Amino acid sequence: MKSDGRWPWLFVGPTFAGVLVFYLWPLGKTLYDSFTEIGPFGGSTWVGAENYSRLVADGEVYRAILNTVVYTAIVLLGIPLAVVFASLMNRPGLRFAMVYRTLFFLPYVAMPTAISLVWRIIYNGDYGVLNQALGVIGIDGPTWISTEWFALVAVGLVGLWMSIGFNLIVLSAGLKGIPSELYEAAALDGAGRLQQFRAITVPLLTPSIFFLSVITTIAGFQLFDMLFALLGPTNPVMPKTQSLVFLFYNAAFDNNERGYGAAVAVLILLVVGLLTLFQFRFQRRWVSYD
């Protein structure tokens, strides 16, 4: 069999170079830095597992993990909501369906920082629209973005709202792949719309739902920009609301402890990797590819 020579390497070489320079090299460098102490003017000293020992003893790490998990759980709630919305918007004969999709998708394409600034005004405890609306029905709203847990829930709700647009696009594509004959046969057997939704739509959308759950979980553990813009780095509630990525930012850039910051980055990588592995291991129990 004749060899193709060097031509295949010419085509795949740039891709390999990109992966090596922009993914593997930073990954290896971060892993190495996590075992060192880096001075403010460069230069590093090997400290072994000292950064990881500090990581285990640091109470802020556990709180950051809890905050990140709570935020991710809130954003994951957007998937079942998107399943319902996508099913309603894909009903035959629905007028202005494209307009509804556009309205849902707009928050996804907008800049998170700009959206966060708008929501910061909405959440304002003194003149915010949300507390004004709650006041109409006799509820005294809290100071949303400066109260522990309320601040995290406030950020999570914005993340949920922003994620629905992308979820709708993916789920709408999944709905297009469901044969209409299944709904017609179910209707002939006397199944109502709710029964069709439970017996046909949801099971056949499970591959799309699984994909969204993986993507949303990974994105949830990357929470930073919206937290930074919505709460602000000087917010007194930030130490109890910070995410894992925000903890990494504080260690590596604010405190100039890049070795410890690298250890936090490795922790984030491990947690996301384990969660993704868990999702893939257990997806066979509930995802239908038939």
C-alpha atoms as a PDB file:
ATOM      1  CA  MET A   1       0.000   0.000   0.000  1.00  0.00           C
ATOM      2  CA  LYS A   2       1.429   3.314  -1.079  1.00  0.00           C
ATOM      3  CA  SER A   3       2.088   5.852   1.662  1.00  0.00           C
ATOM      4  CA  ASP A   4       0.521   9.317   1.430  1.00  0.00           C
ATOM      5  CA  GLY A   5       3.828  10.865   2.429  1.00  0.00           C
ATOM      6  CA  ARG A   6       3.919  14.199   4.192  1.00  0.00           C
ATOM      7  CA  TRP A   7       0.795  15.715   2.668  1.00  0.00           C
ATOM      8  CA  PRO A   8      -1.634  14.653   5.454  1.00  0.00           C
ATOM      9  CA  TRP A   9       0.666  16.224   8.075  1.00  0.00           C
ATOM     10  CA  LEU A  10       0.664  19.456   6.089  1.00  0.00           C
ATOM     11  CA  PHE A  11      -3.110  19.703   6.492  1.00  0.00           C
ATOM     12  CA  VAL A  12      -3.468  18.559  10.106  1.00  0.00           C
ATOM     13  CA  GLY A  13      -0.248  20.222  11.271  1.00  0.00           C
ATOM     14  CA  PRO A  14      -1.785  23.689  11.904  1.00  0.00           C
ATOM     15  CA  THR A  15      -4.570  22.110  13.967  1.00  0.00           C
ATOM     16  CA  PHE A  16      -2.093  20.100  16.027  1.00  0.00           C
ATOM     17  CA  ALA A  17       0.030  23.220  16.514  1.00  0.00           C
ATOM     18  CA  GLY A  18      -3.023  25.179  17.727  1.00  0.00           C
ATOM     19  CA  VAL A  19      -4.017  22.448  20.182  1.00  0.00           C
ATOM     20  CA  LEU A  20      -0.436  22.190  21.435  1.00  0.00           C
ATOM     21  CA  VAL A  21       0.109  25.942  21.886  1.00  0.00           C
ATOM     22  CA  PHE A  22      -3.313  27.048  23.108  1.00  0.00           C
ATOM     23  CA  TYR A  23      -4.510  23.978  25.063  1.00  0.00           C
ATOM     24  CA  LEU A  24      -1.834  21.462  26.025  1.00  0.00           C
ATOM     25  CA  TRP A  25       0.972  23.934  26.807  1.00  0.00           C
ATOM     26  CA  PRO A  26      -1.204  26.139  29.100  1.00  0.00           C
ATOM     27  CA  LEU A  27      -2.565  23.001  30.761  1.00  0.00           C
ATOM     28  CA  GLY A  28       0.919  21.633  31.432  1.00  0.00           C
ATOM     29  CA  LYS A  29       2.216  25.038  32.557  1.00  0.00           C
ATOM     30  CA  THR A  30      -0.702  25.512  34.970  1.00  0.00           C
ATOM     31  CA  LEU A  31      -0.165  22.035  36.398  1.00  0.00           C
ATOM     32  CA  TYR A  32       3.554  22.779  36.920  1.00  0.00           C
ATOM     33  CA  ASP A  33       2.846  26.217  38.449  1.00  0.00           C
ATOM     34  CA  SER A  34       0.463  24.630  40.954  1.00  0.00           C
ATOM     35  CA  PHE A  35       3.513  22.996  42.578  1.00  0.00           C
ATOM     36  CA  THR A  36       5.515  26.211  42.744  1.00  0.00           C
ATOM     37  CA  GLU A  37       5.561  29.591  44.431  1.00  0.00           C
ATOM     38  CA  ILE A  38       5.937  32.374  41.864  1.00  0.00           C
ATOM     39  CA  GLY A  39       7.509  35.667  42.855  1.00  0.00           C
ATOM     40  CA  PRO A  40       6.007  39.052  41.938  1.00  0.00           C
ATOM     41  CA  PHE A  41       8.817  39.689  39.426  1.00  0.00           C
ATOM     42  CA  GLY A  42       8.913  36.178  37.956  1.00  0.00           C
ATOM     43  CA  GLY A  43      10.931  33.173  38.902  1.00  0.00           C
ATOM     44  CA  SER A  44       9.470  30.207  40.694  1.00  0.00           C
ATOM     45  CA  THR A  45      10.371  27.959  43.606  1.00  0.00           C
ATOM     46  CA  TRP A  46       9.280  24.316  43.786  1.00  0.00           C
ATOM     47  CA  VAL A  47       7.107  23.855  46.901  1.00  0.00           C
ATOM     48  CA  GLY A  48       5.703  20.388  46.211  1.00  0.00           C
ATOM     49  CA  ALA A  49       2.118  19.857  47.377  1.00  0.00           C
ATOM     50  CA  GLU A  50       2.095  22.926  49.650  1.00  0.00           C
ATOM     51  CA  ASN A  51      -0.455  24.775  47.503  1.00  0.00           C
ATOM     52  CA  TYR A  52      -2.772  21.755  47.528  1.00  0.00           C
ATOM     53  CA  SER A  53      -2.423  21.393  51.319  1.00  0.00           C
ATOM     54  CA  ARG A  54      -3.448  25.020  51.657  1.00  0.00           C
ATOM     55  CA  LEU A  55      -6.308  24.389  49.235  1.00  0.00           C
ATOM     56  CA  VAL A  56      -7.678  21.578  51.394  1.00  0.00           C
ATOM     57  CA  ALA A  57      -7.437  23.714  54.564  1.00  0.00           C
ATOM     58  CA  ASP A  58      -8.931  26.865  52.989  1.00  0.00           C
ATOM     59  CA  GLY A  59     -12.564  27.322  54.042  1.00  0.00           C
ATOM     60  CA  GLU A  60     -13.178  29.754  51.167  1.00  0.00           C
ATOM     61  CA  VAL A  61     -12.628  26.901  48.691  1.00  0.00           C
ATOM     62  CA  TYR A  62     -15.512  24.847  50.100  1.00  0.00           C
ATOM     63  CA  ARG A  63     -17.793  27.874  50.130  1.00  0.00           C
ATOM     64  CA  ALA A  64     -16.815  28.679  46.536  1.00  0.00           C
ATOM     65  CA  ILE A  65     -17.560  25.076  45.499  1.00  0.00           C
ATOM     66  CA  LEU A  66     -20.972  25.248  47.220  1.00  0.00           C
ATOM     67  CA  ASN A  67     -21.772  28.603  45.586  1.00  0.00           C
ATOM     68  CA  THR A  68     -20.773  27.289  42.164  1.00  0.00           C
ATOM     69  CA  VAL A  69     -22.863  24.141  42.588  1.00  0.00           C
ATOM     70  CA  VAL A  70     -25.913  26.169  43.711  1.00  0.00           C
ATOM     71  CA  TYR A  71     -25.530  28.546  40.755  1.00  0.00           C
ATOM     72  CA  THR A  72     -25.158  25.619  38.326  1.00  0.00           C
ATOM     73  CA  ALA A  73     -28.232  23.904  39.787  1.00  0.00           C
ATOM     74  CA  ILE A  74     -30.299  27.079  39.299  1.00  0.00           C
ATOM     75  CA  VAL A  75     -29.145  27.455  35.684  1.00  0.00           C
ATOM     76  CA  LEU A  76     -29.868  23.766  34.992  1.00  0.00           C
ATOM     77  CA  LEU A  77     -33.513  24.481  35.851  1.00  0.00           C
ATOM     78  CA  GLY A  78     -33.615  26.386  32.572  1.00  0.00           C
ATOM     79  CA  ILE A  79     -33.499  23.093  30.638  1.00  0.00           C
ATOM     80  CA  PRO A  80     -36.943  21.750  31.671  1.00  0.00           C
ATOM     81  CA  LEU A  81     -38.368  25.245  31.214  1.00  0.00           C
ATOM     82  CA  ALA A  82     -36.860  25.373  27.727  1.00  0.00           C
ATOM     83  CA  VAL A  83     -38.363  21.942  26.899  1.00  0.00           C
ATOM     84  CA  VAL A  84     -41.823  23.304  27.706  1.00  0.00           C
ATOM     85  CA  PHE A  85     -41.279  26.577  25.829  1.00  0.00           C
ATOM     86  CA  ALA A  86     -39.781  24.804  22.785  1.00  0.00           C
ATOM     87  CA  SER A  87     -42.731  22.407  22.638  1.00  0.00           C
ATOM     88  CA  LEU A  88     -45.209  25.283  22.790  1.00  0.00           C
ATOM     89  CA  MET A  89     -43.381  27.312  20.148  1.00  0.00           C
ATOM     90  CA  ASN A  90     -43.104  24.371  17.746  1.00  0.00           C
ATOM     91  CA  ARG A  91     -46.818  23.685  17.655  1.00  0.00           C
ATOM     92  CA  PRO A  92     -48.094  23.665  14.063  1.00  0.00           C
ATOM     93  CA  GLY A  93     -49.755  26.914  13.053  1.00  0.00           C
ATOM     94  CA  LEU A  94     -48.400  29.025  15.919  1.00  0.00           C
ATOM     95  CA  ARG A  95     -48.270  32.647  14.784  1.00  0.00           C
ATOM     96  CA  PHE A  96     -45.192  34.808  15.397  1.00  0.00           C
ATOM     97  CA  ALA A  97     -43.113  31.753  16.400  1.00  0.00           C
ATOM     98  CA  MET A  98     -39.967  33.338  14.923  1.00  0.00           C
ATOM     99  CA  VAL A  99     -40.581  36.499  16.949  1.00  0.00           C
ATOM    100  CA  TYR A 100     -40.843  34.476  20.165  1.00  0.00           C
ATOM    101  CA  ARG A 101     -37.610  32.602  19.357  1.00  0.00           C
ATOM    102  CA  THR A 102     -35.820  35.886  18.656  1.00  0.00           C
ATOM    103  CA  LEU A 103     -36.983  37.406  21.933  1.00  0.00           C
ATOM    104  CA  PHE A 104     -35.789  34.375  23.872  1.00  0.00           C
ATOM    105  CA  PHE A 105     -32.466  34.257  22.017  1.00  0.00           C
ATOM    106  CA  LEU A 106     -31.566  37.957  22.392  1.00  0.00           C
ATOM    107  CA  PRO A 107     -30.242  37.648  25.980  1.00  0.00           C
ATOM    108  CA  TYR A 108     -27.899  34.855  24.863  1.00  0.00           C
ATOM    109  CA  VAL A 109     -26.194  36.969  22.199  1.00  0.00           C
ATOM    110  CA  ALA A 110     -26.023  40.128  24.337  1.00  0.00           C
ATOM    111  CA  MET A 111     -22.893  40.897  26.353  1.00  0.00           C
ATOM    112  CA  PRO A 112     -23.115  39.420  29.870  1.00  0.00           C
ATOM    113  CA  THR A 113     -21.591  42.572  31.337  1.00  0.00           C
ATOM    114  CA  ALA A 114     -24.220  44.821  29.726  1.00  0.00           C
ATOM    115  CA  ILE A 115     -27.008  42.511  30.877  1.00  0.00           C
ATOM    116  CA  SER A 116     -25.565  42.418  34.379  1.00  0.00           C
ATOM    117  CA  LEU A 117     -25.564  46.214  34.598  1.00  0.00           C
ATOM    118  CA  VAL A 118     -29.246  46.319  33.605  1.00  0.00           C
ATOM    119  CA  TRP A 119     -30.143  43.647  36.167  1.00  0.00           C
ATOM    120  CA  ARG A 120     -28.122  45.531  38.775  1.00  0.00           C
ATOM    121  CA  ILE A 121     -30.575  48.376  38.380  1.00  0.00           C
ATOM    122  CA  ILE A 122     -33.564  46.007  38.443  1.00  0.00           C
ATOM    123  CA  TYR A 123     -32.292  44.367  41.662  1.00  0.00           C
ATOM    124  CA  ASN A 124     -31.523  47.679  43.397  1.00  0.00           C
ATOM    125  CA  GLY A 125     -32.982  47.551  46.900  1.00  0.00           C
ATOM    126  CA  ASP A 126     -34.069  51.217  46.984  1.00  0.00           C
ATOM    127  CA  TYR A 127     -35.431  52.025  43.536  1.00  0.00           C
ATOM    128  CA  GLY A 128     -35.210  48.729  41.634  1.00  0.00           C
ATOM    129  CA  VAL A 129     -38.133  47.629  39.491  1.00  0.00           C
ATOM    130  CA  LEU A 130     -38.330  44.247  41.235  1.00  0.00           C
ATOM    131  CA  ASN A 131     -38.794  45.663  44.740  1.00  0.00           C
ATOM    132  CA  GLN A 132     -41.189  48.287  43.397  1.00  0.00           C
ATOM    133  CA  ALA A 133     -43.321  45.478  41.913  1.00  0.00           C
ATOM    134  CA  LEU A 134     -43.146  43.460  45.143  1.00  0.00           C
ATOM    135  CA  GLY A 135     -44.149  46.577  47.090  1.00  0.00           C
ATOM    136  CA  VAL A 136     -47.382  46.805  45.078  1.00  0.00           C
ATOM    137  CA  ILE A 137     -48.507  43.461  46.534  1.00  0.00           C
ATOM    138  CA  GLY A 138     -47.302  44.333  50.044  1.00  0.00           C
ATOM    139  CA  ILE A 139     -43.963  42.494  50.027  1.00  0.00           C
ATOM    140  CA  ASP A 140     -40.886  44.308  51.297  1.00  0.00           C
ATOM    141  CA  GLY A 141     -38.153  43.023  49.005  1.00  0.00           C
ATOM    142  CA  PRO A 142     -34.607  42.450  50.253  1.00  0.00           C
ATOM    143  CA  THR A 143     -31.465  44.153  49.060  1.00  0.00           C
ATOM    144  CA  TRP A 144     -30.945  41.453  46.462  1.00  0.00           C
ATOM    145  CA  ILE A 145     -27.315  41.902  45.504  1.00  0.00           C
ATOM    146  CA  SER A 146     -25.910  42.688  48.952  1.00  0.00           C
ATOM    147  CA  THR A 147     -27.594  39.993  51.057  1.00  0.00           C
ATOM    148  CA  GLU A 148     -26.012  36.568  51.504  1.00  0.00           C
ATOM    149  CA  TRP A 149     -27.706  33.818  49.440  1.00  0.00           C
ATOM    150  CA  PHE A 150     -30.138  36.324  47.885  1.00  0.00           C
ATOM    151  CA  ALA A 151     -27.186  37.639  45.876  1.00  0.00           C
ATOM    152  CA  LEU A 152     -26.312  34.154  44.627  1.00  0.00           C
ATOM    153  CA  VAL A 153     -29.939  33.403  43.745  1.00  0.00           C
ATOM    154  CA  ALA A 154     -30.162  36.754  41.941  1.00  0.00           C
ATOM    155  CA  VAL A 155     -27.094  35.894  39.826  1.00  0.00           C
ATOM    156  CA  GLY A 156     -28.451  32.397  39.200  1.00  0.00           C
ATOM    157  CA  LEU A 157     -31.804  33.697  37.956  1.00  0.00           C
ATOM    158  CA  VAL A 158     -30.060  35.985  35.478  1.00  0.00           C
ATOM    159  CA  GLY A 159     -27.937  33.050  34.291  1.00  0.00           C
ATOM    160  CA  LEU A 160     -31.056  30.924  33.897  1.00  0.00           C
ATOM    161  CA  TRP A 161     -32.790  33.656  31.908  1.00  0.00           C
ATOM    162  CA  MET A 162     -29.776  34.062  29.616  1.00  0.00           C
ATOM    163  CA  SER A 163     -29.425  30.315  28.984  1.00  0.00           C
ATOM    164  CA  ILE A 164     -32.997  29.686  27.839  1.00  0.00           C
ATOM    165  CA  GLY A 165     -32.394  31.145  24.362  1.00  0.00           C
ATOM    166  CA  PHE A 166     -29.578  28.714  23.519  1.00  0.00           C
ATOM    167  CA  ASN A 167     -31.521  25.834  25.052  1.00  0.00           C
ATOM    168  CA  LEU A 168     -34.507  26.670  22.866  1.00  0.00           C
ATOM    169  CA  ILE A 169     -32.414  26.585  19.687  1.00  0.00           C
ATOM    170  CA  VAL A 170     -30.961  23.148  20.508  1.00  0.00           C
ATOM    171  CA  LEU A 171     -34.307  21.709  21.628  1.00  0.00           C
ATOM    172  CA  SER A 172     -36.155  23.142  18.621  1.00  0.00           C
ATOM    173  CA  ALA A 173     -33.657  21.351  16.360  1.00  0.00           C
ATOM    174  CA  GLY A 174     -34.318  18.161  18.325  1.00  0.00           C
ATOM    175  CA  LEU A 175     -38.079  18.582  17.938  1.00  0.00           C
ATOM    176  CA  LYS A 176     -37.682  18.859  14.157  1.00  0.00           C
ATOM    177  CA  GLY A 177     -36.237  15.336  14.184  1.00  0.00           C
ATOM    178  CA  ILE A 178     -39.304  13.761  15.822  1.00  0.00           C
ATOM    179  CA  PRO A 179     -41.536  12.191  13.117  1.00  0.00           C
ATOM    180  CA  SER A 180     -44.991  13.754  13.011  1.00  0.00           C
ATOM    181  CA  GLU A 181     -46.441  10.267  12.414  1.00  0.00           C
ATOM    182  CA  LEU A 182     -45.796   9.452  16.061  1.00  0.00           C
ATOM    183  CA  TYR A 183     -48.042  12.300  17.200  1.00  0.00           C
ATOM    184  CA  GLU A 184     -50.711  11.359  14.621  1.00  0.00           C
ATOM    185  CA  ALA A 185     -50.695   7.737  15.791  1.00  0.00           C
ATOM    186  CA  ALA A 186     -50.875   8.823  19.427  1.00  0.00           C
ATOM    187  CA  ALA A 187     -53.790  11.147  18.641  1.00  0.00           C
ATOM    188  CA  LEU A 188     -55.648   8.291  16.910  1.00  0.00           C
ATOM    189  CA  ASP A 189     -55.146   6.206  20.051  1.00  0.00           C
ATOM    190  CA  GLY A 190     -56.770   8.983  22.079  1.00  0.00           C
ATOM    191  CA  ALA A 191     -53.655  10.483  23.680  1.00  0.00           C
ATOM    192  CA  GLY A 192     -54.017  14.148  24.615  1.00  0.00           C
ATOM    193  CA  ARG A 193     -51.341  16.807  24.157  1.00  0.00           C
ATOM    194  CA  LEU A 194     -50.006  16.344  27.689  1.00  0.00           C
ATOM    195  CA  GLN A 195     -49.750  12.574  27.226  1.00  0.00           C
ATOM    196  CA  GLN A 196     -48.002  13.073  23.861  1.00  0.00           C
ATOM    197  CA  PHE A 197     -45.577  15.464  25.539  1.00  0.00           C
ATOM    198  CA  ARG A 198     -44.729  12.961  28.272  1.00  0.00           C
ATOM    199  CA  ALA A 199     -44.633   9.810  26.101  1.00  0.00           C
ATOM    200  CA  ILE A 200     -43.141  11.134  22.845  1.00  0.00           C
ATOM    201  CA  THR A 201     -41.603  14.590  23.122  1.00  0.00           C
ATOM    202  CA  VAL A 202     -39.600  14.252  26.337  1.00  0.00           C
ATOM    203  CA  PRO A 203     -38.152  10.742  25.691  1.00  0.00           C
ATOM    204  CA  LEU A 204     -37.100  11.608  22.130  1.00  0.00           C
ATOM    205  CA  LEU A 205     -35.556  14.888  23.296  1.00  0.00           C
ATOM    206  CA  THR A 206     -33.331  13.210  25.886  1.00  0.00           C
ATOM    207  CA  PRO A 207     -30.202  13.296  23.623  1.00  0.00           C
ATOM    208  CA  SER A 208     -30.628  17.086  23.290  1.00  0.00           C
ATOM    209  CA  ILE A 209     -31.386  17.421  27.013  1.00  0.00           C
ATOM    210  CA  PHE A 210     -28.252  15.427  27.854  1.00  0.00           C
ATOM    211  CA  PHE A 211     -26.136  17.625  25.582  1.00  0.00           C
ATOM    212  CA  LEU A 212     -27.539  20.763  27.225  1.00  0.00           C
ATOM    213  CA  SER A 213     -26.977  19.392  30.726  1.00  0.00           C
ATOM    214  CA  VAL A 214     -23.279  18.791  29.942  1.00  0.00           C
ATOM    215  CA  ILE A 215     -22.790  22.201  28.328  1.00  0.00           C
ATOM    216  CA  THR A 216     -24.715  24.020  31.073  1.00  0.00           C
ATOM    217  CA  THR A 217     -22.775  22.304  33.860  1.00  0.00           C
ATOM    218  CA  ILE A 218     -19.441  23.234  32.307  1.00  0.00           C
ATOM    219  CA  ALA A 219     -20.617  26.820  31.742  1.00  0.00           C
ATOM    220  CA  GLY A 220     -21.913  27.004  35.328  1.00  0.00           C
ATOM    221  CA  PHE A 221     -18.475  26.186  36.689  1.00  0.00           C
ATOM    222  CA  GLN A 222     -17.022  29.027  34.588  1.00  0.00           C
ATOM    223  CA  LEU A 223     -19.089  31.677  36.391  1.00  0.00           C
ATOM    224  CA  PHE A 224     -17.099  34.893  36.691  1.00  0.00           C
ATOM    225  CA  ASP A 225     -17.965  37.859  34.469  1.00  0.00           C
ATOM    226  CA  MET A 226     -21.627  38.091  35.454  1.00  0.00           C
ATOM    227  CA  LEU A 227     -20.768  37.719  39.141  1.00  0.00           C
ATOM    228  CA  PHE A 228     -18.102  40.402  38.826  1.00  0.00           C
ATOM    229  CA  ALA A 229     -20.361  42.861  36.972  1.00  0.00           C
ATOM    230  CA  LEU A 230     -23.595  42.226  38.876  1.00  0.00           C
ATOM    231  CA  LEU A 231     -22.253  42.239  42.431  1.00  0.00           C
ATOM    232  CA  GLY A 232     -18.979  44.127  42.036  1.00  0.00           C
ATOM    233  CA  PRO A 233     -15.619  43.054  43.513  1.00  0.00           C
ATOM    234  CA  THR A 234     -15.981  45.384  46.521  1.00  0.00           C
ATOM    235  CA  ASN A 235     -19.423  44.122  47.494  1.00  0.00           C
ATOM    236  CA  PRO A 236     -19.248  43.021  51.178  1.00  0.00           C
ATOM    237  CA  VAL A 237     -21.215  39.893  50.343  1.00  0.00           C
ATOM    238  CA  MET A 238     -18.750  38.803  47.655  1.00  0.00           C
ATOM    239  CA  PRO A 239     -16.508  36.657  49.945  1.00  0.00           C
ATOM    240  CA  LYS A 240     -19.548  34.498  50.737  1.00  0.00           C
ATOM    241  CA  THR A 241     -20.884  34.521  47.170  1.00  0.00           C
ATOM    242  CA  GLN A 242     -17.745  34.054  45.093  1.00  0.00           C
ATOM    243  CA  SER A 243     -17.444  31.199  42.609  1.00  0.00           C
ATOM    244  CA  LEU A 244     -14.452  28.940  42.046  1.00  0.00           C
ATOM    245  CA  VAL A 245     -13.288  31.012  39.061  1.00  0.00           C
ATOM    246  CA  PHE A 246     -13.623  34.205  41.118  1.00  0.00           C
ATOM    247  CA  LEU A 247     -11.519  32.569  43.837  1.00  0.00           C
ATOM    248  CA  PHE A 248      -8.904  31.750  41.195  1.00  0.00           C
ATOM    249  CA  TYR A 249      -8.994  35.376  39.965  1.00  0.00           C
ATOM    250  CA  ASN A 250      -8.511  36.712  43.489  1.00  0.00           C
ATOM    251  CA  ALA A 251      -5.593  34.391  44.211  1.00  0.00           C
ATOM    252  CA  ALA A 252      -3.776  34.729  40.893  1.00  0.00           C
ATOM    253  CA  PHE A 253      -4.311  38.422  40.095  1.00  0.00           C
ATOM    254  CA  ASP A 254      -5.488  40.387  43.151  1.00  0.00           C
ATOM    255  CA  ASN A 255      -3.236  38.637  45.692  1.00  0.00           C
ATOM    256  CA  ASN A 256      -0.520  37.784  43.149  1.00  0.00           C
ATOM    257  CA  GLU A 257      -0.347  34.191  44.419  1.00  0.00           C
ATOM    258  CA  ARG A 258      -0.108  32.562  41.026  1.00  0.00           C
ATOM    259  CA  GLY A 259       1.043  29.204  42.329  1.00  0.00           C
ATOM    260  CA  TYR A 260      -1.990  28.922  44.597  1.00  0.00           C
ATOM    261  CA  GLY A 261      -4.184  30.288  41.791  1.00  0.00           C
ATOM    262  CA  ALA A 262      -2.874  27.544  39.509  1.00  0.00           C
ATOM    263  CA  ALA A 263      -3.838  24.963  42.154  1.00  0.00           C
ATOM    264  CA  VAL A 264      -7.377  26.404  42.187  1.00  0.00           C
ATOM    265  CA  ALA A 265      -7.453  26.188  38.367  1.00  0.00           C
ATOM    266  CA  VAL A 266      -6.416  22.528  38.522  1.00  0.00           C
ATOM    267  CA  LEU A 267      -9.175  21.917  41.088  1.00  0.00           C
ATOM    268  CA  ILE A 268     -11.746  23.475  38.716  1.00  0.00           C
ATOM    269  CA  LEU A 269     -10.488  21.277  35.879  1.00  0.00           C
ATOM    270  CA  LEU A 270     -10.757  18.136  38.032  1.00  0.00           C
ATOM    271  CA  VAL A 271     -14.250  18.963  39.315  1.00  0.00           C
ATOM    272  CA  VAL A 272     -15.584  19.735  35.823  1.00  0.00           C
ATOM    273  CA  GLY A 273     -13.891  16.626  34.414  1.00  0.00           C
ATOM    274  CA  LEU A 274     -15.369  14.369  37.114  1.00  0.00           C
ATOM    275  CA  LEU A 275     -18.855  15.837  36.705  1.00  0.00           C
ATOM    276  CA  THR A 276     -18.706  15.403  32.924  1.00  0.00           C
ATOM    277  CA  LEU A 277     -17.482  11.827  33.336  1.00  0.00           C
ATOM    278  CA  PHE A 278     -20.329  11.163  35.780  1.00  0.00           C
ATOM    279  CA  GLN A 279     -22.863  12.559  33.301  1.00  0.00           C
ATOM    280  CA  PHE A 280     -21.540  10.385  30.470  1.00  0.00           C
ATOM    281  CA  ARG A 281     -21.409   7.274  32.667  1.00  0.00           C
ATOM    282  CA  PHE A 282     -25.054   7.589  33.769  1.00  0.00           C
ATOM    283  CA  GLN A 283     -26.590   8.958  30.567  1.00  0.00           C
ATOM    284  CA  ARG A 284     -27.356   5.417  29.330  1.00  0.00           C
ATOM    285  CA  ARG A 285     -29.915   5.081  32.119  1.00  0.00           C
ATOM    286  CA  TRP A 286     -32.133   7.883  30.902  1.00  0.00           C
ATOM    287  CA  VAL A 287     -31.086   8.974  27.391  1.00  0.00           C
ATOM    288  CA  SER A 288     -32.880   7.286  24.485  1.00  0.00           C
ATOM    289  CA  TYR A 289     -31.150   7.147  21.101  1.00  0.00           C
ATOM    290  CA  ASP A 290     -33.798   4.952  19.444  1.00  0.00           C
END
